[in-house]
Protein backbone atom coordinates (compact mmCIF):
# COMPACT_ATOMS: atom_id res chain seq x y z
CA UNK A 1 36.31 197.51 73.98
CA UNK A 2 37.80 195.59 76.82
CA UNK A 3 41.50 194.91 76.78
CA UNK A 4 42.35 191.32 77.67
CA UNK A 5 45.36 190.92 79.98
CA UNK A 6 48.18 189.06 78.38
CA UNK A 7 49.16 185.62 79.53
CA UNK A 8 52.29 187.06 81.16
CA UNK A 9 50.31 189.55 83.24
CA UNK A 10 47.98 186.78 84.42
CA UNK A 11 50.93 184.55 85.21
CA UNK A 12 52.65 187.38 87.08
CA UNK A 13 49.49 188.07 89.13
CA UNK A 14 49.19 184.40 90.06
CA UNK A 15 52.89 184.21 91.00
CA UNK A 16 52.49 187.32 93.15
CA UNK A 17 49.46 185.84 94.91
CA UNK A 18 51.30 182.56 95.41
CA UNK A 19 54.30 184.39 96.90
CA UNK A 20 52.11 186.35 99.32
CA UNK A 21 50.24 183.20 100.37
CA UNK A 22 53.48 181.29 100.88
CA UNK A 23 54.84 184.15 103.00
CA UNK A 24 51.72 184.20 105.17
CA UNK A 25 51.82 180.41 105.63
CA UNK A 26 55.49 180.62 106.63
CA UNK A 27 54.68 183.29 109.20
CA UNK A 28 51.89 181.17 110.66
CA UNK A 29 54.10 178.07 110.82
CA UNK A 30 56.83 180.06 112.57
CA UNK A 31 54.27 181.40 115.04
CA UNK A 32 52.96 177.90 115.72
CA UNK A 33 56.47 176.54 116.28
CA UNK A 34 57.33 179.41 118.60
CA UNK A 35 54.13 178.90 120.55
CA UNK A 36 54.68 175.15 120.94
CA UNK A 37 58.29 175.60 122.07
CA UNK A 38 57.43 178.45 124.45
CA UNK A 39 54.53 176.61 126.11
CA UNK A 40 56.61 173.46 126.43
CA UNK A 41 59.44 175.41 128.04
CA UNK A 42 57.08 177.20 130.44
CA UNK A 43 55.44 173.92 131.45
CA UNK A 44 58.78 172.24 132.04
CA UNK A 45 60.13 175.21 133.98
CA UNK A 46 57.11 175.20 136.28
CA UNK A 47 57.57 171.49 137.00
CA UNK A 48 61.30 171.98 137.58
CA UNK A 49 60.55 174.88 139.92
CA UNK A 50 58.15 172.78 142.01
CA UNK A 51 60.61 169.89 142.20
CA UNK A 52 63.39 172.31 143.16
CA UNK A 53 61.32 173.78 145.95
CA UNK A 54 60.57 170.28 147.25
CA UNK A 55 64.24 169.32 147.12
CA UNK A 56 65.29 172.53 148.86
CA UNK A 57 62.94 172.00 151.79
CA UNK A 58 63.74 168.27 151.91
CA UNK A 59 67.50 168.94 151.97
CA UNK A 60 67.15 171.47 154.75
CA UNK A 61 65.20 168.88 156.74
CA UNK A 62 67.81 166.20 156.10
CA UNK A 63 70.63 168.58 157.06
CA UNK A 64 68.88 169.57 160.28
CA UNK A 65 68.18 165.91 161.12
CA UNK A 66 71.80 164.87 160.47
CA UNK A 67 73.01 167.87 162.45
CA UNK A 68 70.83 166.85 165.37
CA UNK A 69 72.19 163.30 165.24
CA UNK A 70 75.79 164.54 165.13
CA UNK A 71 75.37 167.14 167.87
CA UNK A 72 75.99 170.29 165.79
CA UNK A 73 73.50 171.52 163.21
CA UNK A 74 76.13 172.78 160.80
CA UNK A 75 77.60 169.26 160.48
CA UNK A 76 74.42 168.18 158.73
CA UNK A 77 74.69 171.04 156.25
CA UNK A 78 78.33 170.17 155.56
CA UNK A 79 77.37 166.55 154.86
CA UNK A 80 74.54 167.55 152.50
CA UNK A 81 76.83 170.05 150.73
CA UNK A 82 79.54 167.38 150.33
CA UNK A 83 76.97 164.99 148.86
CA UNK A 84 75.97 167.58 146.26
CA UNK A 85 79.60 168.35 145.49
CA UNK A 86 80.29 164.67 144.76
CA UNK A 87 77.07 164.31 142.76
CA UNK A 88 77.87 167.45 140.75
CA UNK A 89 81.39 166.23 139.95
CA UNK A 90 80.06 162.84 138.82
CA UNK A 91 77.48 164.54 136.60
CA UNK A 92 80.06 166.91 135.16
CA UNK A 93 82.71 164.34 134.34
CA UNK A 94 80.72 161.21 133.52
CA UNK A 95 77.12 162.02 132.68
CA UNK A 96 77.47 165.39 130.92
CA UNK A 97 76.79 163.95 127.45
CA UNK A 98 74.00 161.80 128.86
CA UNK A 99 72.11 164.94 129.86
CA UNK A 100 73.17 167.29 127.04
CA UNK A 101 72.20 165.14 124.05
CA UNK A 102 68.61 164.29 125.07
CA UNK A 103 67.98 167.91 126.06
CA UNK A 104 69.22 169.27 122.74
CA UNK A 105 67.24 166.59 120.86
CA UNK A 106 64.11 167.62 122.76
CA UNK A 107 64.53 171.27 121.82
CA UNK A 108 65.24 170.44 118.16
CA UNK A 109 62.30 168.05 117.87
CA UNK A 110 59.95 170.67 119.38
CA UNK A 111 61.27 173.32 116.98
CA UNK A 112 60.80 171.09 113.91
CA UNK A 113 57.18 170.11 114.61
């Protein structure tokens, strides 16, 4: 004689299977989100790195050119440094929220996909 499992045992087995499946799906979704965010960050960092290298070489060229025009090479570097000081202060005091909010929204939207 075969013993039939009770309805509670069957229900418990199905709930256990559902729980394990839900856990596996959650792990896969977390992995996907992590992968999307990480690849997006790496891509953006590589672009920022290339732009930074361009700007570094460009600024050295501008500083040397201005220094040549003014007679002393270090004058050009002082002028370029002063420009970046003024630009940094403007960004810090006036445009800080303009940069912070879109950046945080970008990270949140990538994490929620």
